[in-house]
C-alpha atoms as a PDB file:
ATOM      1  CA  MET A   1     -21.392  11.912 -19.539  1.00  0.00           C
ATOM      2  CA  ALA A   2     -22.929   9.146 -17.421  1.00  0.00           C
ATOM      3  CA  ASP A   3     -24.764   7.851 -20.503  1.00  0.00           C
ATOM      4  CA  LYS A   4     -21.490   6.740 -22.085  1.00  0.00           C
ATOM      5  CA  PRO A   5     -20.561   3.052 -21.846  1.00  0.00           C
ATOM      6  CA  GLU A   6     -18.040   2.359 -19.082  1.00  0.00           C
ATOM      7  CA  VAL A   7     -14.812   0.563 -19.940  1.00  0.00           C
ATOM      8  CA  VAL A   8     -11.879  -0.404 -17.721  1.00  0.00           C
ATOM      9  CA  ILE A   9      -8.535  -0.838 -19.471  1.00  0.00           C
ATOM     10  CA  TYR A  10      -5.236  -2.190 -18.150  1.00  0.00           C
ATOM     11  CA  THR A  11      -2.183  -1.592 -20.347  1.00  0.00           C
ATOM     12  CA  ASP A  12       1.491  -2.513 -20.328  1.00  0.00           C
ATOM     13  CA  GLY A  13       4.540  -2.449 -22.539  1.00  0.00           C
ATOM     14  CA  ALA A  14       7.716  -4.509 -22.354  1.00  0.00           C
ATOM     15  CA  CYS A  15      11.092  -4.627 -24.057  1.00  0.00           C
ATOM     16  CA  ARG A  16      13.726  -7.370 -24.069  1.00  0.00           C
ATOM     17  CA  ASP A  17      16.454  -4.744 -24.442  1.00  0.00           C
ATOM     18  CA  ASN A  18      15.820  -1.023 -24.455  1.00  0.00           C
ATOM     19  CA  PRO A  19      15.872  -0.399 -27.366  1.00  0.00           C
ATOM     20  CA  GLY A  20      15.213  -3.831 -28.780  1.00  0.00           C
ATOM     21  CA  PRO A  21      12.312  -6.166 -29.456  1.00  0.00           C
ATOM     22  CA  GLY A  22       9.200  -5.155 -27.559  1.00  0.00           C
ATOM     23  CA  GLY A  23       5.611  -6.054 -26.891  1.00  0.00           C
ATOM     24  CA  TRP A  24       2.474  -4.264 -25.770  1.00  0.00           C
ATOM     25  CA  ALA A  25      -0.819  -5.510 -24.382  1.00  0.00           C
ATOM     26  CA  ALA A  26      -4.144  -4.347 -23.023  1.00  0.00           C
ATOM     27  CA  ILE A  27      -7.084  -5.899 -21.249  1.00  0.00           C
ATOM     28  CA  LEU A  28     -10.420  -4.194 -21.848  1.00  0.00           C
ATOM     29  CA  LYS A  29     -13.322  -4.894 -19.488  1.00  0.00           C
ATOM     30  CA  PHE A  30     -16.903  -4.034 -20.460  1.00  0.00           C
ATOM     31  CA  GLY A  31     -19.009  -5.075 -17.470  1.00  0.00           C
ATOM     32  CA  LYS A  32     -18.514  -8.850 -17.269  1.00  0.00           C
ATOM     33  CA  ASN A  33     -17.054  -9.051 -20.773  1.00  0.00           C
ATOM     34  CA  GLU A  34     -13.339  -8.892 -21.387  1.00  0.00           C
ATOM     35  CA  ARG A  35     -11.002  -8.659 -24.349  1.00  0.00           C
ATOM     36  CA  GLU A  36      -7.211  -9.043 -24.576  1.00  0.00           C
ATOM     37  CA  ILE A  37      -5.173  -7.386 -27.311  1.00  0.00           C
ATOM     38  CA  PHE A  38      -1.426  -7.425 -27.884  1.00  0.00           C
ATOM     39  CA  GLY A  39       1.288  -6.904 -30.462  1.00  0.00           C
ATOM     40  CA  GLY A  40       4.995  -6.432 -30.850  1.00  0.00           C
ATOM     41  CA  GLU A  41       7.776  -4.774 -32.796  1.00  0.00           C
ATOM     42  CA  LYS A  42      11.273  -5.989 -33.615  1.00  0.00           C
ATOM     43  CA  GLU A  43      13.025  -2.681 -32.793  1.00  0.00           C
ATOM     44  CA  THR A  44      11.410  -0.336 -30.282  1.00  0.00           C
ATOM     45  CA  THR A  45      11.594   1.022 -26.741  1.00  0.00           C
ATOM     46  CA  ASN A  46       9.685   0.285 -23.572  1.00  0.00           C
ATOM     47  CA  ASN A  47       8.130   3.762 -23.613  1.00  0.00           C
ATOM     48  CA  ARG A  48       6.862   3.285 -27.179  1.00  0.00           C
ATOM     49  CA  MET A  49       5.276  -0.003 -26.171  1.00  0.00           C
ATOM     50  CA  GLU A  50       3.540   1.637 -23.185  1.00  0.00           C
ATOM     51  CA  LEU A  51       2.093   4.275 -25.524  1.00  0.00           C
ATOM     52  CA  ARG A  52       1.071   1.721 -28.162  1.00  0.00           C
ATOM     53  CA  ALA A  53      -0.823  -0.323 -25.578  1.00  0.00           C
ATOM     54  CA  ALA A  54      -2.974   2.648 -24.556  1.00  0.00           C
ATOM     55  CA  LEU A  55      -3.405   3.821 -28.150  1.00  0.00           C
ATOM     56  CA  GLU A  56      -4.478   0.441 -29.507  1.00  0.00           C
ATOM     57  CA  ALA A  57      -6.902  -0.131 -26.631  1.00  0.00           C
ATOM     58  CA  LEU A  58      -8.602   3.235 -27.141  1.00  0.00           C
ATOM     59  CA  ARG A  59      -8.748   2.691 -30.909  1.00  0.00           C
ATOM     60  CA  LEU A  60     -10.873  -0.415 -30.339  1.00  0.00           C
ATOM     61  CA  LEU A  61     -13.699   1.564 -28.790  1.00  0.00           C
ATOM     62  CA  ASN A  62     -16.399   2.067 -31.439  1.00  0.00           C
ATOM     63  CA  GLU A  63     -18.158   4.891 -29.639  1.00  0.00           C
ATOM     64  CA  PRO A  64     -17.306   7.555 -27.059  1.00  0.00           C
ATOM     65  CA  CYS A  65     -16.837   5.859 -23.688  1.00  0.00           C
ATOM     66  CA  GLN A  66     -16.122   6.630 -20.073  1.00  0.00           C
ATOM     67  CA  VAL A  67     -12.748   4.942 -19.646  1.00  0.00           C
ATOM     68  CA  THR A  68     -10.713   4.186 -16.555  1.00  0.00           C
ATOM     69  CA  LEU A  69      -7.251   3.323 -17.851  1.00  0.00           C
ATOM     70  CA  TYR A  70      -4.689   1.707 -15.538  1.00  0.00           C
ATOM     71  CA  THR A  71      -0.988   1.880 -16.351  1.00  0.00           C
ATOM     72  CA  ASP A  72       2.191   1.188 -14.421  1.00  0.00           C
ATOM     73  CA  SER A  73       4.041   3.688 -16.642  1.00  0.00           C
ATOM     74  CA  THR A  74       4.662   7.067 -15.039  1.00  0.00           C
ATOM     75  CA  TYR A  75       5.890   8.211 -18.482  1.00  0.00           C
ATOM     76  CA  LEU A  76       2.457   7.533 -19.994  1.00  0.00           C
ATOM     77  CA  LYS A  77       0.404   8.867 -17.088  1.00  0.00           C
ATOM     78  CA  LYS A  78       2.425  12.042 -16.532  1.00  0.00           C
ATOM     79  CA  GLY A  79       2.738  12.576 -20.271  1.00  0.00           C
ATOM     80  CA  ILE A  80      -1.037  12.623 -20.683  1.00  0.00           C
ATOM     81  CA  THR A  81      -2.076  14.281 -17.427  1.00  0.00           C
ATOM     82  CA  GLU A  82       0.757  16.785 -16.892  1.00  0.00           C
ATOM     83  CA  TRP A  83       3.048  17.340 -19.873  1.00  0.00           C
ATOM     84  CA  LEU A  84       0.722  17.130 -22.895  1.00  0.00           C
ATOM     85  CA  PRO A  85      -0.733  20.674 -22.712  1.00  0.00           C
ATOM     86  CA  GLY A  86       2.772  22.189 -22.709  1.00  0.00           C
ATOM     87  CA  TRP A  87       3.934  20.024 -25.614  1.00  0.00           C
ATOM     88  CA  LYS A  88       0.928  21.113 -27.638  1.00  0.00           C
ATOM     89  CA  ARG A  89       1.515  24.803 -26.826  1.00  0.00           C
ATOM     90  CA  ARG A  90       5.118  24.386 -28.007  1.00  0.00           C
ATOM     91  CA  HIS A  91       4.001  22.661 -31.235  1.00  0.00           C
ATOM     92  CA  TRP A  92       4.819  19.167 -29.981  1.00  0.00           C
ATOM     93  CA  ARG A  93       8.207  20.010 -28.510  1.00  0.00           C
ATOM     94  CA  ARG A  94       9.622  19.715 -25.002  1.00  0.00           C
ATOM     95  CA  LYS A  95      11.090  22.709 -23.224  1.00  0.00           C
ATOM     96  CA  GLY A  96      14.488  21.161 -23.941  1.00  0.00           C
ATOM     97  CA  GLY A  97      13.840  20.487 -27.629  1.00  0.00           C
ATOM     98  CA  LYS A  98      12.680  17.438 -29.548  1.00  0.00           C
ATOM     99  CA  LEU A  99       9.867  15.331 -28.104  1.00  0.00           C
ATOM    100  CA  ALA A 100      10.478  11.576 -28.162  1.00  0.00           C
ATOM    101  CA  ASN A 101       7.663   9.424 -29.549  1.00  0.00           C
ATOM    102  CA  VAL A 102       5.840  12.473 -30.909  1.00  0.00           C
ATOM    103  CA  ASP A 103       4.037  10.336 -33.516  1.00  0.00           C
ATOM    104  CA  LEU A 104       2.410   8.197 -30.826  1.00  0.00           C
ATOM    105  CA  TRP A 105       1.675  11.127 -28.501  1.00  0.00           C
ATOM    106  CA  MET A 106      -0.164  12.914 -31.319  1.00  0.00           C
ATOM    107  CA  LYS A 107      -2.240   9.824 -32.169  1.00  0.00           C
ATOM    108  CA  LEU A 108      -3.008   9.206 -28.500  1.00  0.00           C
ATOM    109  CA  ASP A 109      -4.087  12.836 -28.110  1.00  0.00           C
ATOM    110  CA  GLU A 110      -6.564  12.352 -30.981  1.00  0.00           C
ATOM    111  CA  GLU A 111      -7.983   9.183 -29.426  1.00  0.00           C
ATOM    112  CA  ILE A 112      -8.506  10.623 -25.947  1.00  0.00           C
ATOM    113  CA  GLU A 113     -10.532  13.509 -27.422  1.00  0.00           C
ATOM    114  CA  ARG A 114     -13.309  11.004 -28.216  1.00  0.00           C
ATOM    115  CA  HIS A 115     -13.592   9.703 -24.672  1.00  0.00           C
ATOM    116  CA  GLU A 116     -13.797  10.704 -21.050  1.00  0.00           C
ATOM    117  CA  VAL A 117     -10.599   9.085 -19.753  1.00  0.00           C
ATOM    118  CA  TYR A 118      -9.572   8.741 -16.114  1.00  0.00           C
ATOM    119  CA  TRP A 119      -5.881   7.851 -15.908  1.00  0.00           C
ATOM    120  CA  ARG A 120      -4.836   5.685 -12.958  1.00  0.00           C
ATOM    121  CA  TRP A 121      -1.307   4.682 -12.056  1.00  0.00           C
ATOM    122  CA  VAL A 122      -0.786   1.267 -10.499  1.00  0.00           C
ATOM    123  CA  ARG A 123       2.519   0.012  -9.119  1.00  0.00           C
ATOM    124  CA  GLY A 124       3.918  -2.664 -11.418  1.00  0.00           C
ATOM    125  CA  HIS A 125       4.791  -6.119 -10.086  1.00  0.00           C
ATOM    126  CA  ALA A 126       2.979  -5.408  -6.835  1.00  0.00           C
ATOM    127  CA  GLY A 127       0.292  -8.082  -6.941  1.00  0.00           C
ATOM    128  CA  ASN A 128      -2.461  -6.285  -8.871  1.00  0.00           C
ATOM    129  CA  ARG A 129      -4.029  -9.246 -10.691  1.00  0.00           C
ATOM    130  CA  LEU A 130      -4.884  -7.492 -13.966  1.00  0.00           C
ATOM    131  CA  ASN A 131      -1.623  -5.556 -14.075  1.00  0.00           C
ATOM    132  CA  GLU A 132       0.311  -8.802 -13.631  1.00  0.00           C
ATOM    133  CA  ARG A 133      -1.767 -10.450 -16.349  1.00  0.00           C
ATOM    134  CA  VAL A 134      -1.293  -7.647 -18.872  1.00  0.00           C
ATOM    135  CA  ASP A 135       2.452  -7.648 -18.116  1.00  0.00           C
ATOM    136  CA  LYS A 136       2.620 -11.354 -19.022  1.00  0.00           C
ATOM    137  CA  LEU A 137       0.700 -10.698 -22.252  1.00  0.00           C
ATOM    138  CA  ALA A 138       3.074  -7.869 -23.232  1.00  0.00           C
ATOM    139  CA  ARG A 139       6.125 -10.057 -22.562  1.00  0.00           C
ATOM    140  CA  LYS A 140       4.643 -12.920 -24.608  1.00  0.00           C
ATOM    141  CA  ALA A 141       4.053 -10.495 -27.504  1.00  0.00           C
ATOM    142  CA  ILE A 142       7.766  -9.655 -27.823  1.00  0.00           C
ATOM    143  CA  PRO A 143       8.959 -11.015 -31.185  1.00  0.00           C
ATOM    144  CA  SER A 144      11.708 -13.665 -31.026  1.00  0.00           C
END
Protein backbone atom coordinates (compact mmCIF):
# COMPACT_ATOMS: atom_id res chain seq x y z
CA MET A 1 0.00 0.00 0.00
CA ALA A 2 3.01 2.31 0.29
CA ASP A 3 2.83 2.97 -3.46
CA LYS A 4 -0.44 4.87 -3.05
CA PRO A 5 -0.29 8.68 -3.02
CA GLU A 6 -0.43 10.11 0.50
CA VAL A 7 -3.09 12.68 1.34
CA VAL A 8 -3.83 14.48 4.61
CA ILE A 9 -7.39 15.74 5.05
CA TYR A 10 -8.87 17.97 7.75
CA THR A 11 -12.68 18.15 7.86
CA ASP A 12 -15.32 20.03 9.81
CA GLY A 13 -19.03 20.72 9.81
CA ALA A 14 -20.97 23.57 11.40
CA CYS A 15 -24.58 24.54 11.96
CA ARG A 16 -26.08 27.89 12.95
CA ASP A 17 -28.93 26.08 14.71
CA ASN A 18 -29.18 22.33 15.03
CA PRO A 19 -31.10 21.65 12.85
CA GLY A 20 -30.77 24.73 10.71
CA PRO A 21 -28.47 26.18 8.07
CA GLY A 22 -25.12 24.42 7.98
CA GLY A 23 -21.77 24.34 6.28
CA TRP A 24 -19.02 21.81 5.71
CA ALA A 25 -15.39 22.16 4.69
CA ALA A 26 -12.23 20.19 4.09
CA ILE A 27 -8.58 20.95 3.52
CA LEU A 28 -6.70 18.39 1.45
CA LYS A 29 -2.90 18.35 1.53
CA PHE A 30 -0.88 16.53 -1.14
CA GLY A 31 2.75 17.06 -0.16
CA LYS A 32 3.23 20.83 -0.42
CA ASN A 33 0.03 21.31 -2.41
CA GLU A 34 -3.24 22.14 -0.74
CA ARG A 35 -6.88 22.45 -1.71
CA GLU A 36 -9.87 23.83 0.21
CA ILE A 37 -13.42 22.70 -0.49
CA PHE A 38 -16.66 23.73 1.20
CA GLY A 39 -20.41 23.88 0.80
CA GLY A 40 -23.61 24.42 2.70
CA GLU A 41 -27.26 23.51 3.06
CA LYS A 42 -30.21 25.59 4.19
CA GLU A 43 -31.72 22.91 6.47
CA THR A 44 -29.42 20.30 7.98
CA THR A 45 -27.70 19.15 11.16
CA ASN A 46 -24.17 19.44 12.45
CA ASN A 47 -23.67 15.68 12.18
CA ARG A 48 -24.75 15.68 8.52
CA MET A 49 -22.27 18.45 7.80
CA GLU A 50 -19.45 16.50 9.49
CA LEU A 51 -20.26 13.50 7.29
CA ARG A 52 -20.56 15.60 4.12
CA ALA A 53 -17.13 17.13 4.71
CA ALA A 54 -15.44 13.72 4.84
CA LEU A 55 -17.50 12.37 1.95
CA GLU A 56 -16.83 15.29 -0.38
CA ALA A 57 -13.11 15.27 0.41
CA LEU A 58 -12.76 11.56 -0.34
CA ARG A 59 -14.81 11.93 -3.53
CA LEU A 60 -12.22 14.36 -4.87
CA LEU A 61 -9.49 11.74 -4.89
CA ASN A 62 -9.10 10.45 -8.46
CA GLU A 63 -7.21 7.31 -7.51
CA PRO A 64 -6.83 5.06 -4.46
CA CYS A 65 -4.83 6.92 -1.82
CA GLN A 66 -3.36 6.49 1.61
CA VAL A 67 -5.37 9.04 3.57
CA THR A 68 -4.93 10.41 7.07
CA LEU A 69 -8.22 12.13 7.86
CA TYR A 70 -8.49 14.45 10.87
CA THR A 71 -11.88 15.26 12.38
CA ASP A 72 -13.03 16.84 15.61
CA SER A 73 -16.29 14.86 15.37
CA THR A 74 -16.47 11.83 17.64
CA TYR A 75 -19.72 10.95 15.81
CA LEU A 76 -17.85 10.63 12.51
CA LYS A 77 -14.77 8.89 13.90
CA LYS A 78 -16.62 6.39 16.10
CA GLY A 79 -19.23 5.85 13.39
CA ILE A 80 -16.57 4.77 10.91
CA THR A 81 -14.13 3.00 13.22
CA GLU A 82 -16.49 1.37 15.74
CA TRP A 83 -20.16 1.36 14.78
CA LEU A 84 -20.15 0.84 11.00
CA PRO A 85 -19.61 -2.96 10.97
CA GLY A 86 -22.62 -3.47 13.27
CA TRP A 87 -24.84 -1.17 11.21
CA LYS A 88 -23.95 -3.09 8.08
CA ARG A 89 -24.64 -6.46 9.75
CA ARG A 90 -28.06 -5.12 10.80
CA HIS A 91 -28.80 -3.86 7.26
CA TRP A 92 -27.99 -0.24 8.08
CA ARG A 93 -29.89 -0.09 11.36
CA ARG A 94 -28.81 0.68 14.91
CA LYS A 95 -29.46 -1.75 17.73
CA GLY A 96 -32.21 0.64 18.82
CA GLY A 97 -33.80 0.99 15.38
CA LYS A 98 -33.46 3.56 12.62
CA LEU A 99 -30.00 4.87 11.76
CA ALA A 100 -29.77 8.65 11.36
CA ASN A 101 -28.01 9.92 8.24
CA VAL A 102 -28.02 6.45 6.68
CA ASP A 103 -27.78 7.94 3.16
CA LEU A 104 -24.47 9.64 3.97
CA TRP A 105 -23.08 6.69 5.95
CA MET A 106 -23.71 4.39 2.98
CA LYS A 107 -22.01 6.78 0.54
CA LEU A 108 -19.08 7.28 2.91
CA ASP A 109 -18.73 3.51 3.28
CA GLU A 110 -18.45 3.22 -0.53
CA GLU A 111 -15.79 5.93 -0.69
CA ILE A 112 -13.57 4.51 2.05
CA GLU A 113 -13.46 1.14 0.25
CA ARG A 114 -11.30 2.78 -2.45
CA HIS A 115 -8.69 4.07 -0.03
CA GLU A 116 -6.54 3.16 2.93
CA VAL A 117 -7.92 5.62 5.50
CA TYR A 118 -6.45 6.35 8.92
CA TRP A 119 -9.00 8.21 11.04
CA ARG A 120 -7.60 10.66 13.59
CA TRP A 121 -9.59 12.61 16.14
CA VAL A 122 -8.38 16.09 17.05
CA ARG A 123 -9.86 18.23 19.81
CA GLY A 124 -11.80 21.11 18.28
CA HIS A 125 -10.99 24.71 19.20
CA ALA A 126 -7.77 23.64 20.88
CA GLY A 127 -5.23 25.49 18.75
CA ASN A 128 -4.62 22.95 15.97
CA ARG A 129 -3.92 25.32 13.07
CA LEU A 130 -5.58 23.30 10.29
CA ASN A 131 -8.55 22.31 12.44
CA GLU A 132 -9.14 25.97 13.30
CA ARG A 133 -8.84 26.91 9.63
CA VAL A 134 -11.28 24.27 8.41
CA ASP A 135 -13.72 25.30 11.17
CA LYS A 136 -13.67 28.88 9.85
CA LEU A 137 -14.26 27.63 6.29
CA ALA A 138 -17.25 25.52 7.40
CA ARG A 139 -18.77 28.47 9.28
CA LYS A 140 -18.29 30.76 6.26
CA ALA A 141 -20.06 28.18 4.07
CA ILE A 142 -23.29 28.36 6.11
CA PRO A 143 -25.97 29.89 3.86
CA SER A 144 -27.48 33.18 5.06
